[in-house]
Amino acid sequence: MPVKPKRPCRYPGCPGFAEEGEQYCEKHRKFMEKHYEHFARGYSADRRYGYKWKKIRDRYVKKHPLCEECLRHGRYVKAEQVHHIVPLSEGGSSEEYNLMSLCRSCHEKVHQKTKSRQGR
């Protein structure tokens, strides 16, 4: 049976090829994973959040299944993430009053606003 051809690596200027289902060649895959974890996420989710957080998150999403930010604008969008209004790193807690269910788009917007206020 014929095999699909490899795709070009998405890393700028790389002449290599990525395996099926991957975006980067072997040389750049680990580098880009670290880059994503550091710059896009900014932390290791496994270290900060565990089973206890999953239970709190699931309970909150069950009570608030729609994006709270979209609801303010009259849109009904399913919530995908739970956001800490006051971040844990700044002394916030996982109590219900400090949580907000958001769609992915609104969650990204909230974090972009926070980063711009901090001057990052």
N, C-alpha and C. Protein backbone atom coordinates (compact mmCIF):
# COMPACT_ATOMS: atom_id res chain seq x y z
N MET A 1 0.84 -1.17 0.00
CA MET A 1 0.00 0.00 0.00
C MET A 1 0.90 1.25 0.00
N PRO A 2 0.56 2.27 -0.79
CA PRO A 2 1.38 3.47 -0.85
C PRO A 2 1.34 4.24 0.47
N VAL A 3 2.45 4.88 0.77
CA VAL A 3 2.58 5.68 1.98
C VAL A 3 2.48 7.15 1.59
N LYS A 4 1.80 7.93 2.44
CA LYS A 4 1.70 9.36 2.16
C LYS A 4 3.08 9.99 2.18
N PRO A 5 3.32 10.95 1.32
CA PRO A 5 4.62 11.63 1.34
C PRO A 5 4.75 12.48 2.60
N LYS A 6 5.97 12.64 3.07
CA LYS A 6 6.21 13.48 4.24
C LYS A 6 5.97 14.93 3.89
N ARG A 7 5.55 15.71 4.90
CA ARG A 7 5.29 17.12 4.71
C ARG A 7 6.53 17.93 5.06
N PRO A 8 6.71 19.08 4.44
CA PRO A 8 7.84 19.94 4.81
C PRO A 8 7.69 20.43 6.26
N CYS A 9 8.79 20.55 6.95
CA CYS A 9 8.81 21.06 8.33
C CYS A 9 8.34 22.51 8.31
N ARG A 10 7.51 22.89 9.30
CA ARG A 10 6.96 24.24 9.36
C ARG A 10 7.93 25.24 10.00
N TYR A 11 9.06 24.76 10.51
CA TYR A 11 10.03 25.68 11.11
C TYR A 11 10.65 26.53 9.99
N PRO A 12 10.68 27.85 10.15
CA PRO A 12 11.18 28.72 9.09
C PRO A 12 12.60 28.36 8.63
N GLY A 13 12.75 28.15 7.35
CA GLY A 13 14.04 27.87 6.75
C GLY A 13 14.52 26.43 6.87
N CYS A 14 13.74 25.57 7.48
CA CYS A 14 14.18 24.18 7.66
C CYS A 14 13.89 23.37 6.38
N PRO A 15 14.89 22.68 5.86
CA PRO A 15 14.68 21.87 4.66
C PRO A 15 14.18 20.46 4.98
N GLY A 16 14.02 20.14 6.27
CA GLY A 16 13.61 18.79 6.68
C GLY A 16 12.14 18.49 6.42
N PHE A 17 11.76 17.25 6.71
CA PHE A 17 10.39 16.80 6.51
C PHE A 17 9.84 16.23 7.81
N ALA A 18 8.54 16.41 8.02
CA ALA A 18 7.86 15.92 9.22
C ALA A 18 7.19 14.59 8.94
N GLU A 19 7.14 13.76 9.98
CA GLU A 19 6.44 12.48 9.87
C GLU A 19 4.94 12.72 9.72
N GLU A 20 4.22 11.71 9.32
CA GLU A 20 2.77 11.82 9.14
C GLU A 20 2.12 12.22 10.46
N GLY A 21 1.25 13.22 10.43
CA GLY A 21 0.55 13.69 11.61
C GLY A 21 1.32 14.72 12.42
N GLU A 22 2.53 15.04 12.04
CA GLU A 22 3.35 16.01 12.75
C GLU A 22 3.51 17.27 11.90
N GLN A 23 3.88 18.37 12.54
CA GLN A 23 4.09 19.63 11.83
C GLN A 23 5.56 19.97 11.66
N TYR A 24 6.39 19.42 12.55
CA TYR A 24 7.81 19.74 12.53
C TYR A 24 8.65 18.48 12.39
N CYS A 25 9.85 18.65 11.84
CA CYS A 25 10.77 17.53 11.71
C CYS A 25 11.26 17.12 13.10
N GLU A 26 11.93 16.00 13.16
CA GLU A 26 12.42 15.48 14.44
C GLU A 26 13.32 16.51 15.15
N LYS A 27 14.14 17.20 14.38
CA LYS A 27 15.07 18.18 14.93
C LYS A 27 14.35 19.33 15.64
N HIS A 28 13.21 19.79 15.11
CA HIS A 28 12.53 20.96 15.64
C HIS A 28 11.30 20.64 16.51
N ARG A 29 10.86 19.42 16.54
CA ARG A 29 9.64 19.07 17.28
C ARG A 29 9.77 19.40 18.78
N LYS A 30 10.81 18.92 19.42
CA LYS A 30 11.00 19.15 20.87
C LYS A 30 11.18 20.65 21.16
N PHE A 31 11.94 21.32 20.30
CA PHE A 31 12.17 22.75 20.47
C PHE A 31 10.84 23.50 20.44
N MET A 32 9.97 23.18 19.49
CA MET A 32 8.70 23.89 19.36
C MET A 32 7.74 23.54 20.49
N GLU A 33 7.81 22.33 21.03
CA GLU A 33 6.98 21.97 22.18
C GLU A 33 7.39 22.81 23.39
N LYS A 34 8.70 22.94 23.62
CA LYS A 34 9.19 23.76 24.73
C LYS A 34 8.80 25.22 24.51
N HIS A 35 8.93 25.68 23.29
CA HIS A 35 8.56 27.05 22.94
C HIS A 35 7.09 27.30 23.25
N TYR A 36 6.22 26.39 22.87
CA TYR A 36 4.79 26.52 23.13
C TYR A 36 4.52 26.55 24.63
N GLU A 37 5.10 25.61 25.36
CA GLU A 37 4.87 25.55 26.81
C GLU A 37 5.33 26.83 27.50
N HIS A 38 6.45 27.38 27.05
CA HIS A 38 6.99 28.57 27.71
C HIS A 38 6.25 29.85 27.32
N PHE A 39 6.04 30.06 26.03
CA PHE A 39 5.48 31.32 25.58
C PHE A 39 3.96 31.34 25.43
N ALA A 40 3.38 30.26 24.94
CA ALA A 40 1.93 30.26 24.74
C ALA A 40 1.20 29.94 26.05
N ARG A 41 1.70 28.99 26.81
CA ARG A 41 1.05 28.62 28.06
C ARG A 41 1.65 29.34 29.26
N GLY A 42 2.96 29.49 29.25
CA GLY A 42 3.61 30.23 30.31
C GLY A 42 3.85 29.44 31.58
N TYR A 43 3.44 28.21 31.65
CA TYR A 43 3.64 27.39 32.84
C TYR A 43 3.37 25.94 32.49
N SER A 44 3.69 25.07 33.39
CA SER A 44 3.37 23.66 33.21
C SER A 44 2.04 23.38 33.88
N ALA A 45 1.03 23.09 33.11
CA ALA A 45 -0.30 22.86 33.66
C ALA A 45 -0.33 21.67 34.60
N ASP A 46 0.48 20.66 34.33
CA ASP A 46 0.51 19.48 35.19
C ASP A 46 1.04 19.82 36.58
N ARG A 47 1.99 20.72 36.67
CA ARG A 47 2.55 21.09 37.97
C ARG A 47 1.58 21.96 38.76
N ARG A 48 0.88 22.85 38.09
CA ARG A 48 0.01 23.79 38.79
C ARG A 48 -1.36 23.20 39.10
N TYR A 49 -1.91 22.45 38.17
CA TYR A 49 -3.26 21.92 38.34
C TYR A 49 -3.22 20.40 38.41
N GLY A 50 -4.03 19.83 39.24
CA GLY A 50 -4.07 18.38 39.37
C GLY A 50 -5.50 17.88 39.41
N TYR A 51 -5.68 16.73 40.03
CA TYR A 51 -6.99 16.09 40.10
C TYR A 51 -8.00 16.96 40.86
N LYS A 52 -7.52 17.61 41.91
CA LYS A 52 -8.41 18.45 42.72
C LYS A 52 -8.98 19.59 41.85
N TRP A 53 -8.10 20.22 41.04
CA TRP A 53 -8.56 21.29 40.15
C TRP A 53 -9.56 20.76 39.13
N LYS A 54 -9.33 19.57 38.59
CA LYS A 54 -10.24 19.00 37.61
C LYS A 54 -11.64 18.85 38.20
N LYS A 55 -11.72 18.41 39.45
CA LYS A 55 -13.02 18.26 40.11
C LYS A 55 -13.71 19.61 40.26
N ILE A 56 -12.95 20.62 40.70
CA ILE A 56 -13.50 21.97 40.87
C ILE A 56 -13.96 22.51 39.54
N ARG A 57 -13.12 22.35 38.51
CA ARG A 57 -13.43 22.84 37.17
C ARG A 57 -14.69 22.19 36.61
N ASP A 58 -14.76 20.86 36.71
CA ASP A 58 -15.92 20.14 36.19
C ASP A 58 -17.21 20.57 36.88
N ARG A 59 -17.14 20.76 38.20
CA ARG A 59 -18.31 21.20 38.95
C ARG A 59 -18.74 22.60 38.52
N TYR A 60 -17.77 23.49 38.30
CA TYR A 60 -18.08 24.86 37.91
C TYR A 60 -18.68 24.91 36.50
N VAL A 61 -18.11 24.14 35.58
CA VAL A 61 -18.63 24.13 34.20
C VAL A 61 -20.03 23.54 34.16
N LYS A 62 -20.31 22.60 35.03
CA LYS A 62 -21.66 22.01 35.09
C LYS A 62 -22.68 23.07 35.54
N LYS A 63 -22.28 23.92 36.49
CA LYS A 63 -23.16 25.00 36.97
C LYS A 63 -23.25 26.15 35.98
N HIS A 64 -22.16 26.40 35.25
CA HIS A 64 -22.07 27.53 34.31
C HIS A 64 -21.61 27.01 32.94
N PRO A 65 -22.51 26.38 32.18
CA PRO A 65 -22.09 25.74 30.92
C PRO A 65 -21.83 26.71 29.77
N LEU A 66 -22.22 27.97 29.91
CA LEU A 66 -22.03 28.94 28.83
C LEU A 66 -20.95 29.95 29.21
N CYS A 67 -20.30 30.47 28.19
CA CYS A 67 -19.26 31.48 28.37
C CYS A 67 -19.89 32.72 29.00
N GLU A 68 -19.38 33.11 30.16
CA GLU A 68 -19.95 34.23 30.89
C GLU A 68 -19.70 35.57 30.19
N GLU A 69 -18.59 35.69 29.49
CA GLU A 69 -18.28 36.92 28.76
C GLU A 69 -19.21 37.05 27.54
N CYS A 70 -19.42 35.97 26.82
CA CYS A 70 -20.31 36.01 25.66
C CYS A 70 -21.75 36.29 26.08
N LEU A 71 -22.16 35.74 27.23
CA LEU A 71 -23.52 35.99 27.73
C LEU A 71 -23.76 37.48 27.95
N ARG A 72 -22.75 38.20 28.42
CA ARG A 72 -22.88 39.65 28.63
C ARG A 72 -23.20 40.38 27.33
N HIS A 73 -22.78 39.79 26.21
CA HIS A 73 -23.02 40.40 24.90
C HIS A 73 -24.17 39.74 24.16
N GLY A 74 -24.94 38.92 24.85
CA GLY A 74 -26.12 38.31 24.26
C GLY A 74 -25.85 37.11 23.35
N ARG A 75 -24.66 36.52 23.47
CA ARG A 75 -24.32 35.35 22.66
C ARG A 75 -24.33 34.11 23.55
N TYR A 76 -24.75 32.99 22.99
CA TYR A 76 -24.79 31.73 23.72
C TYR A 76 -23.72 30.81 23.16
N VAL A 77 -22.58 30.76 23.85
CA VAL A 77 -21.44 29.97 23.41
C VAL A 77 -21.06 29.03 24.55
N LYS A 78 -20.81 27.77 24.21
CA LYS A 78 -20.44 26.78 25.21
C LYS A 78 -19.09 27.12 25.84
N ALA A 79 -19.02 27.02 27.16
CA ALA A 79 -17.77 27.27 27.87
C ALA A 79 -16.82 26.10 27.68
N GLU A 80 -15.56 26.41 27.42
CA GLU A 80 -14.55 25.37 27.23
C GLU A 80 -13.51 25.39 28.34
N GLN A 81 -13.35 26.55 28.99
CA GLN A 81 -12.30 26.69 29.98
C GLN A 81 -12.82 27.45 31.19
N VAL A 82 -12.16 27.24 32.33
CA VAL A 82 -12.50 27.97 33.54
C VAL A 82 -11.30 28.86 33.87
N HIS A 83 -11.58 30.13 34.06
CA HIS A 83 -10.55 31.15 34.26
C HIS A 83 -10.55 31.62 35.71
N HIS A 84 -9.36 31.79 36.28
CA HIS A 84 -9.23 32.41 37.61
C HIS A 84 -9.20 33.92 37.41
N ILE A 85 -10.15 34.63 37.99
CA ILE A 85 -10.22 36.08 37.85
C ILE A 85 -8.96 36.71 38.45
N VAL A 86 -8.65 36.37 39.68
CA VAL A 86 -7.38 36.74 40.29
C VAL A 86 -6.49 35.51 40.17
N PRO A 87 -5.42 35.58 39.38
CA PRO A 87 -4.59 34.40 39.14
C PRO A 87 -4.04 33.78 40.43
N LEU A 88 -3.83 32.49 40.38
CA LEU A 88 -3.24 31.79 41.52
C LEU A 88 -1.88 32.37 41.87
N SER A 89 -1.14 32.78 40.86
CA SER A 89 0.20 33.34 41.07
C SER A 89 0.16 34.67 41.82
N GLU A 90 -1.03 35.31 41.85
CA GLU A 90 -1.17 36.60 42.54
C GLU A 90 -1.99 36.46 43.80
N GLY A 91 -2.11 35.23 44.29
CA GLY A 91 -2.82 35.01 45.55
C GLY A 91 -4.30 34.65 45.40
N GLY A 92 -4.75 34.46 44.18
CA GLY A 92 -6.14 34.08 43.96
C GLY A 92 -6.39 32.65 44.41
N SER A 93 -7.65 32.28 44.50
CA SER A 93 -7.99 30.93 44.94
C SER A 93 -8.88 30.26 43.90
N SER A 94 -9.21 29.02 44.17
CA SER A 94 -10.11 28.28 43.29
C SER A 94 -11.52 28.26 43.85
N GLU A 95 -11.83 29.25 44.67
CA GLU A 95 -13.20 29.39 45.18
C GLU A 95 -14.09 29.88 44.04
N GLU A 96 -15.37 29.55 44.13
CA GLU A 96 -16.30 29.85 43.05
C GLU A 96 -16.35 31.34 42.70
N TYR A 97 -16.23 32.23 43.68
CA TYR A 97 -16.30 33.66 43.41
C TYR A 97 -15.12 34.16 42.55
N ASN A 98 -14.05 33.37 42.48
CA ASN A 98 -12.87 33.76 41.71
C ASN A 98 -12.78 33.04 40.36
N LEU A 99 -13.83 32.33 39.99
CA LEU A 99 -13.81 31.57 38.75
C LEU A 99 -14.77 32.16 37.73
N MET A 100 -14.50 31.87 36.47
CA MET A 100 -15.33 32.37 35.38
C MET A 100 -15.24 31.37 34.24
N SER A 101 -16.39 30.90 33.75
CA SER A 101 -16.35 29.97 32.61
C SER A 101 -16.32 30.78 31.32
N LEU A 102 -15.39 30.40 30.44
CA LEU A 102 -15.18 31.16 29.20
C LEU A 102 -15.00 30.22 28.02
N CYS A 103 -15.32 30.71 26.83
CA CYS A 103 -14.99 29.98 25.61
C CYS A 103 -13.50 30.22 25.35
N ARG A 104 -12.93 29.48 24.46
CA ARG A 104 -11.49 29.60 24.19
C ARG A 104 -11.12 31.01 23.73
N SER A 105 -11.95 31.58 22.86
CA SER A 105 -11.67 32.91 22.32
C SER A 105 -11.64 33.97 23.42
N CYS A 106 -12.65 33.96 24.27
CA CYS A 106 -12.70 34.94 25.36
C CYS A 106 -11.57 34.73 26.35
N HIS A 107 -11.21 33.47 26.59
CA HIS A 107 -10.11 33.17 27.51
C HIS A 107 -8.81 33.76 26.98
N GLU A 108 -8.57 33.62 25.69
CA GLU A 108 -7.36 34.20 25.09
C GLU A 108 -7.40 35.72 25.19
N LYS A 109 -8.56 36.33 24.94
CA LYS A 109 -8.68 37.80 25.02
C LYS A 109 -8.40 38.30 26.43
N VAL A 110 -8.92 37.60 27.43
CA VAL A 110 -8.70 38.00 28.82
C VAL A 110 -7.21 37.95 29.15
N HIS A 111 -6.53 36.90 28.70
CA HIS A 111 -5.10 36.78 28.97
C HIS A 111 -4.28 37.81 28.20
N GLN A 112 -4.71 38.17 27.00
CA GLN A 112 -4.01 39.20 26.23
C GLN A 112 -4.14 40.55 26.93
N LYS A 113 -5.32 40.86 27.47
CA LYS A 113 -5.52 42.11 28.20
C LYS A 113 -4.62 42.15 29.42
N THR A 114 -4.55 41.03 30.13
CA THR A 114 -3.72 40.95 31.34
C THR A 114 -2.26 41.17 31.00
N LYS A 115 -1.79 40.53 29.93
CA LYS A 115 -0.38 40.67 29.53
C LYS A 115 -0.07 42.10 29.12
N SER A 116 -1.00 42.75 28.41
CA SER A 116 -0.75 44.12 27.96
C SER A 116 -0.72 45.08 29.15
N ARG A 117 -1.53 44.83 30.19
CA ARG A 117 -1.51 45.66 31.38
C ARG A 117 -0.22 45.51 32.16
N GLN A 118 0.35 44.31 32.12
CA GLN A 118 1.59 44.03 32.85
C GLN A 118 2.81 44.49 32.07
N GLY A 119 2.61 44.88 30.82
CA GLY A 119 3.70 45.38 30.00
C GLY A 119 4.56 44.29 29.40
N ARG A 120 3.98 43.11 29.18
CA ARG A 120 4.74 41.99 28.59
C ARG A 120 4.75 42.05 27.11
